Amino acid sequence: MTFYPGQPVRCINDNWRGLSPPQDAPKILHCYTVVRVVPPCLEFPEEYLVLYEVAPDPKGNLYCWHSTHFSPIGDRKTSIEGLKALLTPESLREVKAPEVVR
């Protein structure tokens, strides 16, 4: 899934196992804003997110959160119009049996 700065996201998994997360670590079903997307690299092959609502540590280092723990909010626009466009008049007609030639 691709994220971008300024995008609103919702936390869908707040199990930060193996970490000692800060007090304001993302909580499940809470909404956050992406500040920066850290792309995959050799050392960390997954995408990570920096969130506006989570303050840096006392040394000023930003916390990065695994992107699979988040889902975009409001980016999907569901419309049936695309499906209706696929239905042509021919596809709605009844299938006629072929004529028998004698």
C-alpha atoms as a PDB file:
ATOM      1  CA  MET A   1       0.000   0.000   0.000  1.00  0.00           C
ATOM      2  CA  THR A   2       1.341   3.419  -0.869  1.00  0.00           C
ATOM      3  CA  PHE A   3       1.128   6.285   1.587  1.00  0.00           C
ATOM      4  CA  TYR A   4       1.982   9.971   1.110  1.00  0.00           C
ATOM      5  CA  PRO A   5       2.692  12.993   3.367  1.00  0.00           C
ATOM      6  CA  GLY A   6      -0.456  14.691   4.609  1.00  0.00           C
ATOM      7  CA  GLN A   7      -2.560  11.555   4.212  1.00  0.00           C
ATOM      8  CA  PRO A   8      -4.957  10.711   7.038  1.00  0.00           C
ATOM      9  CA  VAL A   9      -4.585   7.133   8.282  1.00  0.00           C
ATOM     10  CA  ARG A  10      -6.192   4.929  10.930  1.00  0.00           C
ATOM     11  CA  CYS A  11      -4.240   2.544  13.149  1.00  0.00           C
ATOM     12  CA  ILE A  12      -5.516  -1.001  12.588  1.00  0.00           C
ATOM     13  CA  ASN A  13      -2.962  -2.830  14.756  1.00  0.00           C
ATOM     14  CA  ASP A  14      -1.372  -1.424  17.902  1.00  0.00           C
ATOM     15  CA  ASN A  15       0.635  -4.500  18.836  1.00  0.00           C
ATOM     16  CA  TRP A  16       4.152  -3.035  18.870  1.00  0.00           C
ATOM     17  CA  ARG A  17       5.792  -6.285  19.995  1.00  0.00           C
ATOM     18  CA  GLY A  18       9.497  -6.216  20.554  1.00  0.00           C
ATOM     19  CA  LEU A  19       9.428  -2.451  21.070  1.00  0.00           C
ATOM     20  CA  SER A  20       9.137  -0.174  24.039  1.00  0.00           C
ATOM     21  CA  PRO A  21       6.857   2.383  22.368  1.00  0.00           C
ATOM     22  CA  PRO A  22       6.472   5.904  23.704  1.00  0.00           C
ATOM     23  CA  GLN A  23       3.433   6.882  25.755  1.00  0.00           C
ATOM     24  CA  ASP A  24       1.795   8.502  22.719  1.00  0.00           C
ATOM     25  CA  ALA A  25       2.345   5.453  20.442  1.00  0.00           C
ATOM     26  CA  PRO A  26      -0.437   4.918  17.903  1.00  0.00           C
ATOM     27  CA  LYS A  27      -3.541   3.282  19.348  1.00  0.00           C
ATOM     28  CA  ILE A  28      -5.929   1.053  17.437  1.00  0.00           C
ATOM     29  CA  LEU A  29      -8.765   2.889  15.609  1.00  0.00           C
ATOM     30  CA  HIS A  30      -7.197   6.302  16.298  1.00  0.00           C
ATOM     31  CA  CYS A  31      -6.565   8.636  13.352  1.00  0.00           C
ATOM     32  CA  TYR A  32      -3.158  10.086  12.466  1.00  0.00           C
ATOM     33  CA  THR A  33      -1.524  12.196   9.756  1.00  0.00           C
ATOM     34  CA  VAL A  34       1.475  10.965   7.759  1.00  0.00           C
ATOM     35  CA  VAL A  35       4.395  13.436   7.899  1.00  0.00           C
ATOM     36  CA  ARG A  36       6.968  11.369   6.032  1.00  0.00           C
ATOM     37  CA  VAL A  37       7.128   7.993   4.320  1.00  0.00           C
ATOM     38  CA  VAL A  38      10.379   6.088   4.831  1.00  0.00           C
ATOM     39  CA  PRO A  39      10.845   3.889   1.744  1.00  0.00           C
ATOM     40  CA  PRO A  40      12.137   0.316   1.966  1.00  0.00           C
ATOM     41  CA  CYS A  41      15.888  -0.229   1.939  1.00  0.00           C
ATOM     42  CA  LEU A  42      18.272  -3.147   2.425  1.00  0.00           C
ATOM     43  CA  GLU A  43      18.279  -2.820   6.211  1.00  0.00           C
ATOM     44  CA  PHE A  44      14.499  -2.309   6.503  1.00  0.00           C
ATOM     45  CA  PRO A  45      12.677  -3.934   3.551  1.00  0.00           C
ATOM     46  CA  GLU A  46       9.273  -2.519   4.541  1.00  0.00           C
ATOM     47  CA  GLU A  47       7.777   0.969   4.307  1.00  0.00           C
ATOM     48  CA  TYR A  48       7.593   2.998   7.527  1.00  0.00           C
ATOM     49  CA  LEU A  49       5.573   6.092   8.450  1.00  0.00           C
ATOM     50  CA  VAL A  50       6.408   9.133  10.544  1.00  0.00           C
ATOM     51  CA  LEU A  51       3.237  10.511  12.150  1.00  0.00           C
ATOM     52  CA  TYR A  52       2.458  14.125  13.051  1.00  0.00           C
ATOM     53  CA  GLU A  53       0.641  13.221  16.276  1.00  0.00           C
ATOM     54  CA  VAL A  54       3.551  11.224  17.764  1.00  0.00           C
ATOM     55  CA  ALA A  55       6.184  13.496  19.292  1.00  0.00           C
ATOM     56  CA  PRO A  56       9.920  12.832  18.745  1.00  0.00           C
ATOM     57  CA  ASP A  57      11.924  11.243  21.542  1.00  0.00           C
ATOM     58  CA  PRO A  58      13.790  13.514  24.028  1.00  0.00           C
ATOM     59  CA  LYS A  59      16.829  13.555  21.720  1.00  0.00           C
ATOM     60  CA  GLY A  60      14.692  14.779  18.796  1.00  0.00           C
ATOM     61  CA  ASN A  61      14.671  11.479  16.901  1.00  0.00           C
ATOM     62  CA  LEU A  62      11.462  10.721  15.031  1.00  0.00           C
ATOM     63  CA  TYR A  63       9.599   7.474  15.617  1.00  0.00           C
ATOM     64  CA  CYS A  64       8.864   5.393  12.516  1.00  0.00           C
ATOM     65  CA  TRP A  65       5.894   3.048  12.464  1.00  0.00           C
ATOM     66  CA  HIS A  66       5.436  -0.001  10.249  1.00  0.00           C
ATOM     67  CA  SER A  67       2.986   0.909   7.478  1.00  0.00           C
ATOM     68  CA  THR A  68       1.093  -2.395   7.674  1.00  0.00           C
ATOM     69  CA  HIS A  69      -0.321  -1.202  11.006  1.00  0.00           C
ATOM     70  CA  PHE A  70      -2.246   1.586   9.222  1.00  0.00           C
ATOM     71  CA  SER A  71      -5.031   1.971   6.699  1.00  0.00           C
ATOM     72  CA  PRO A  72      -5.820   5.071   4.593  1.00  0.00           C
ATOM     73  CA  ILE A  73      -8.905   7.093   5.514  1.00  0.00           C
ATOM     74  CA  GLY A  74     -11.264   8.434   2.883  1.00  0.00           C
ATOM     75  CA  ASP A  75      -9.081   7.790  -0.174  1.00  0.00           C
ATOM     76  CA  ARG A  76     -11.321   5.191  -1.681  1.00  0.00           C
ATOM     77  CA  LYS A  77     -14.226   6.510  -3.674  1.00  0.00           C
ATOM     78  CA  THR A  78     -16.604   3.684  -4.395  1.00  0.00           C
ATOM     79  CA  SER A  79     -18.892   4.181  -7.344  1.00  0.00           C
ATOM     80  CA  ILE A  80     -21.069   1.800  -9.286  1.00  0.00           C
ATOM     81  CA  GLU A  81     -20.683   3.931 -12.416  1.00  0.00           C
ATOM     82  CA  GLY A  82     -17.604   1.984 -13.508  1.00  0.00           C
ATOM     83  CA  LEU A  83     -19.516  -1.263 -13.290  1.00  0.00           C
ATOM     84  CA  LYS A  84     -22.485   0.181 -15.163  1.00  0.00           C
ATOM     85  CA  ALA A  85     -20.155   1.273 -17.975  1.00  0.00           C
ATOM     86  CA  LEU A  86     -19.020  -2.315 -18.395  1.00  0.00           C
ATOM     87  CA  LEU A  87     -22.582  -3.434 -19.071  1.00  0.00           C
ATOM     88  CA  THR A  88     -23.317  -2.827 -22.702  1.00  0.00           C
ATOM     89  CA  PRO A  89     -26.785  -3.282 -24.203  1.00  0.00           C
ATOM     90  CA  GLU A  90     -25.560  -6.494 -25.846  1.00  0.00           C
ATOM     91  CA  SER A  91     -24.643  -8.030 -22.522  1.00  0.00           C
ATOM     92  CA  LEU A  92     -28.134  -7.307 -21.198  1.00  0.00           C
ATOM     93  CA  ARG A  93     -29.974  -9.015 -24.091  1.00  0.00           C
ATOM     94  CA  GLU A  94     -31.281 -12.521 -23.799  1.00  0.00           C
ATOM     95  CA  VAL A  95     -29.328 -15.141 -25.641  1.00  0.00           C
ATOM     96  CA  LYS A  96     -31.319 -16.469 -28.610  1.00  0.00           C
ATOM     97  CA  ALA A  97     -31.078 -20.044 -29.744  1.00  0.00           C
ATOM     98  CA  PRO A  98     -29.509 -20.420 -33.190  1.00  0.00           C
ATOM     99  CA  GLU A  99     -31.880 -21.006 -36.056  1.00  0.00           C
ATOM    100  CA  VAL A 100     -32.068 -24.517 -37.426  1.00  0.00           C
ATOM    101  CA  VAL A 101     -31.359 -24.709 -41.181  1.00  0.00           C
ATOM    102  CA  ARG A 102     -33.261 -27.418 -43.072  1.00  0.00           C
END
